[in-house]
Amino acid sequence: MNENYKTIKELADELGVSKQTIRNKIDKDFREKFVQTIKIKGNNTLVINNAGYSLLKKTLQNDTAQTAKTLQNDTAQTAKTLQNDTAQTKLICFLEEQLDKKEQQLSVKDKQLENKDTQISQMQNLLDQQQRLALQDKKLLEEYKAENDSLKALNVPSEHTKGGQVNSQPKEEVQALKNQMEGLQEQLKEKDQELAQEKSKKWYQFWK
């Protein structure tokens, strides 16, 4: 065959592409300038001259370079996307960990508040008990005071009787009443000390 012409198959083999790729590059203008039809073994066959061959080779090289560049850009973009996805995944994991920590802290705070509420309730109960005890102590003191006043009244005899005569109550009876009154006063004093100790103990337990 004439060395100035090459068939589509020959071009495809030399350029390392398929025949369909060569056909896709042969448009109307290219056909008019570089393509001829000749008979080979009795069959009409399209052939491309050397100028068309050079143009096709250059075009395919450019296409290959462009494809490689596009592939490189796509690869870089894919890598960047994967990197961004990895960074986002790490960020999401970090935020989830922080959220879990916050939830744990809130749970601890809730328990602390619950304990505080329990302590406040206990303190309120203790205050109520203390108030009730204080009222009971006050009532007991009033009763002891009234009893003491009654004993004092019994212990002070009148200087004159109804008829203006001096009271002749025996000294022994007066002394017995005095002794009785002193004994009751001593009991009152001991009771006051016990109440004071009980109050001190309760307040100590309350603030402990």
Protein backbone atom coordinates (compact mmCIF):
# COMPACT_ATOMS: atom_id res chain seq x y z
CA MET A 1 0.00 0.00 0.00
CA ASN A 2 1.08 3.58 -0.64
CA GLU A 3 3.13 4.84 2.29
CA ASN A 4 1.42 8.23 1.99
CA TYR A 5 -1.89 6.69 3.09
CA LYS A 6 -3.03 4.62 6.03
CA THR A 7 -6.25 2.77 6.64
CA ILE A 8 -8.31 3.36 9.75
CA LYS A 9 -7.18 0.01 11.16
CA GLU A 10 -3.52 0.86 10.59
CA LEU A 11 -3.96 4.22 12.31
CA ALA A 12 -5.79 2.62 15.23
CA ASP A 13 -3.02 0.04 15.67
CA GLU A 14 -0.22 2.62 15.49
CA LEU A 15 -1.93 5.10 17.84
CA GLY A 16 -3.12 2.44 20.26
CA VAL A 17 -6.80 3.28 20.04
CA SER A 18 -9.88 1.60 18.65
CA LYS A 19 -11.13 2.03 15.10
CA GLN A 20 -14.27 3.63 16.48
CA THR A 21 -12.15 6.32 18.12
CA ILE A 22 -10.58 7.12 14.75
CA ARG A 23 -14.00 7.23 13.06
CA ASN A 24 -15.30 9.59 15.78
CA LYS A 25 -12.52 12.06 14.90
CA ILE A 26 -13.29 12.05 11.18
CA ASP A 27 -15.84 14.82 10.70
CA LYS A 28 -16.97 16.38 7.43
CA ASP A 29 -14.13 18.91 7.17
CA PHE A 30 -11.49 16.31 8.03
CA ARG A 31 -12.96 13.92 5.43
CA GLU A 32 -12.85 16.56 2.69
CA LYS A 33 -9.23 17.48 3.44
CA PHE A 34 -7.51 14.25 4.44
CA VAL A 35 -9.65 11.21 3.50
CA GLN A 36 -9.81 9.40 0.18
CA THR A 37 -11.48 6.24 -1.03
CA ILE A 38 -9.37 3.71 -2.86
CA LYS A 39 -9.79 0.11 -3.93
CA ILE A 40 -7.93 -2.44 -1.90
CA LYS A 41 -8.35 -6.02 -3.00
CA GLY A 42 -11.37 -5.03 -4.99
CA ASN A 43 -13.07 -3.23 -2.08
CA ASN A 44 -13.56 0.49 -1.58
CA THR A 45 -11.54 1.45 1.51
CA LEU A 46 -11.18 4.76 3.33
CA VAL A 47 -7.59 5.88 3.73
CA ILE A 48 -6.09 8.90 5.43
CA ASN A 49 -3.07 10.77 4.11
CA ASN A 50 0.01 11.68 6.12
CA ALA A 51 -1.29 15.16 6.97
CA GLY A 52 -4.48 13.69 8.32
CA TYR A 53 -2.48 11.07 10.19
CA SER A 54 -0.36 13.78 11.86
CA LEU A 55 -3.45 15.78 12.75
CA LEU A 56 -5.20 12.72 14.21
CA LYS A 57 -2.10 11.76 16.18
CA LYS A 58 -1.79 15.26 17.62
CA THR A 59 -5.51 15.40 18.43
CA LEU A 60 -5.44 12.03 20.15
CA GLN A 61 -2.31 13.01 22.11
CA ASN A 62 -4.06 16.18 23.23
CA ASP A 63 -7.11 14.16 24.14
CA THR A 64 -4.95 11.73 26.09
CA ALA A 65 -3.21 14.57 27.91
CA GLN A 66 -6.53 16.22 28.61
CA THR A 67 -7.96 12.93 29.82
CA ALA A 68 -4.94 12.39 32.05
CA LYS A 69 -5.25 15.93 33.41
CA THR A 70 -8.96 15.47 33.97
CA LEU A 71 -8.28 12.15 35.68
CA GLN A 72 -5.62 13.79 37.82
CA ASN A 73 -7.98 16.60 38.77
CA ASP A 74 -10.73 14.12 39.50
CA THR A 75 -8.33 12.08 41.62
CA ALA A 76 -7.20 15.19 43.50
CA GLN A 77 -10.79 16.29 43.98
CA THR A 78 -11.75 12.83 45.16
CA ALA A 79 -8.83 12.81 47.60
CA LYS A 80 -9.80 16.27 48.83
CA THR A 81 -13.40 15.16 49.21
CA LEU A 82 -12.31 12.07 51.13
CA GLN A 83 -10.06 14.23 53.28
CA ASN A 84 -12.93 16.62 53.97
CA ASP A 85 -15.21 13.68 54.70
CA THR A 86 -12.61 12.27 57.09
CA ALA A 87 -12.23 15.64 58.80
CA GLN A 88 -16.01 15.97 59.07
CA THR A 89 -16.25 12.44 60.44
CA LYS A 90 -13.60 13.22 63.05
CA LEU A 91 -15.41 16.45 63.92
CA ILE A 92 -18.70 14.61 64.26
CA CYS A 93 -17.06 11.98 66.48
CA PHE A 94 -15.49 14.72 68.60
CA LEU A 95 -18.81 16.55 68.95
CA GLU A 96 -20.57 13.31 69.85
CA GLU A 97 -17.95 12.64 72.53
CA GLN A 98 -18.39 16.16 73.90
CA LEU A 99 -22.15 15.68 73.88
CA ASP A 100 -21.81 12.41 75.81
CA LYS A 101 -19.58 14.14 78.37
CA LYS A 102 -22.09 16.97 78.74
CA GLU A 103 -24.89 14.46 79.24
CA GLN A 104 -22.85 12.68 81.90
CA GLN A 105 -22.12 16.00 83.63
CA LEU A 106 -25.81 16.89 83.52
CA SER A 107 -26.66 13.49 85.01
CA VAL A 108 -24.21 14.13 87.86
CA LYS A 109 -25.68 17.60 88.38
CA ASP A 110 -29.18 16.15 88.47
CA LYS A 111 -28.11 13.67 91.15
CA GLN A 112 -26.43 16.45 93.12
CA LEU A 113 -29.59 18.56 92.92
CA GLU A 114 -31.65 15.56 93.98
CA ASN A 115 -29.36 15.06 96.99
CA LYS A 116 -29.62 18.76 97.81
CA ASP A 117 -33.41 18.57 97.69
CA THR A 118 -33.29 15.57 100.03
CA GLN A 119 -30.98 17.41 102.41
CA ILE A 120 -33.22 20.49 102.36
CA SER A 121 -36.25 18.31 103.08
CA GLN A 122 -34.42 16.66 105.97
CA MET A 123 -33.36 20.04 107.34
CA GLN A 124 -36.93 21.29 107.08
CA ASN A 125 -38.15 18.24 108.99
CA LEU A 126 -35.51 18.84 111.66
CA LEU A 127 -36.56 22.47 111.94
CA ASP A 128 -40.18 21.45 112.29
CA GLN A 129 -39.24 18.96 115.00
CA GLN A 130 -37.14 21.61 116.73
CA GLN A 131 -40.04 24.04 116.69
CA ARG A 132 -42.37 21.42 118.13
CA LEU A 133 -39.84 20.61 120.85
CA ALA A 134 -39.41 24.30 121.60
CA LEU A 135 -43.17 24.66 122.02
CA GLN A 136 -43.24 21.61 124.28
CA ASP A 137 -40.35 23.01 126.32
CA LYS A 138 -42.12 26.33 126.63
CA LYS A 139 -45.30 24.63 127.74
CA LEU A 140 -43.42 22.57 130.33
CA LEU A 141 -41.62 25.66 131.64
CA GLU A 142 -44.92 27.48 131.97
CA GLU A 143 -46.38 24.52 133.86
CA TYR A 144 -43.36 24.34 136.16
CA LYS A 145 -43.50 28.09 136.69
CA ALA A 146 -47.19 27.92 137.58
CA GLU A 147 -46.47 25.05 139.98
CA ASN A 148 -43.59 26.99 141.49
CA ASP A 149 -45.76 30.05 141.96
CA SER A 150 -48.37 27.89 143.69
CA LEU A 151 -45.73 26.49 146.04
CA LYS A 152 -44.47 29.99 146.81
CA ALA A 153 -47.99 31.09 147.65
CA LEU A 154 -48.35 28.13 150.01
CA ASN A 155 -45.00 28.90 151.61
CA VAL A 156 -45.90 32.51 152.60
CA PRO A 157 -48.29 32.45 155.56
CA SER A 158 -50.41 35.49 156.38
CA GLU A 159 -49.30 37.49 159.45
CA HIS A 160 -52.83 37.78 160.85
CA THR A 161 -55.85 35.63 160.90
CA LYS A 162 -59.30 36.82 159.99
CA GLY A 163 -59.88 37.93 163.55
CA GLY A 164 -56.67 39.95 163.69
CA GLN A 165 -54.87 37.29 165.72
CA VAL A 166 -51.33 36.17 164.96
CA ASN A 167 -51.18 32.93 162.98
CA SER A 168 -49.99 30.12 165.20
CA GLN A 169 -48.97 27.69 162.40
CA PRO A 170 -46.30 25.35 163.77
CA LYS A 171 -42.76 26.02 162.66
CA GLU A 172 -42.35 22.38 161.67
CA GLU A 173 -45.07 22.69 159.02
CA VAL A 174 -43.51 25.85 157.64
CA GLN A 175 -40.11 24.21 157.47
CA ALA A 176 -41.60 21.16 155.77
CA LEU A 177 -43.16 23.38 153.10
CA LYS A 178 -39.87 25.19 152.63
CA ASN A 179 -38.06 21.89 152.19
CA GLN A 180 -40.70 20.75 149.73
CA MET A 181 -40.42 23.99 147.76
CA GLU A 182 -36.60 23.73 147.66
CA GLY A 183 -36.86 20.16 146.43
CA LEU A 184 -39.23 21.19 143.65
CA GLN A 185 -37.00 24.10 142.72
CA GLU A 186 -34.05 21.71 142.52
CA GLN A 187 -36.08 19.42 140.29
CA LEU A 188 -36.98 22.39 138.09
CA LYS A 189 -33.34 23.33 137.85
CA GLU A 190 -32.35 19.78 136.84
CA LYS A 191 -35.15 19.69 134.29
CA ASP A 192 -33.97 22.99 132.81
CA GLN A 193 -30.45 21.58 132.48
CA GLU A 194 -31.74 18.42 130.80
CA LEU A 195 -33.78 20.48 128.35
CA ALA A 196 -30.78 22.67 127.60
CA GLN A 197 -28.61 19.62 126.95
CA GLU A 198 -31.28 18.05 124.76
CA LYS A 199 -31.54 21.24 122.71
CA SER A 200 -27.76 21.45 122.33
CA LYS A 201 -27.62 17.82 121.21
CA LYS A 202 -30.41 18.25 118.65
CA TRP A 203 -28.84 21.39 117.19
CA TYR A 204 -25.48 19.58 117.01
CA GLN A 205 -27.07 16.69 115.10
CA PHE A 206 -28.89 19.14 112.86
CA TRP A 207 -25.77 21.02 111.81
CA LYS A 208 -23.50 17.94 111.78
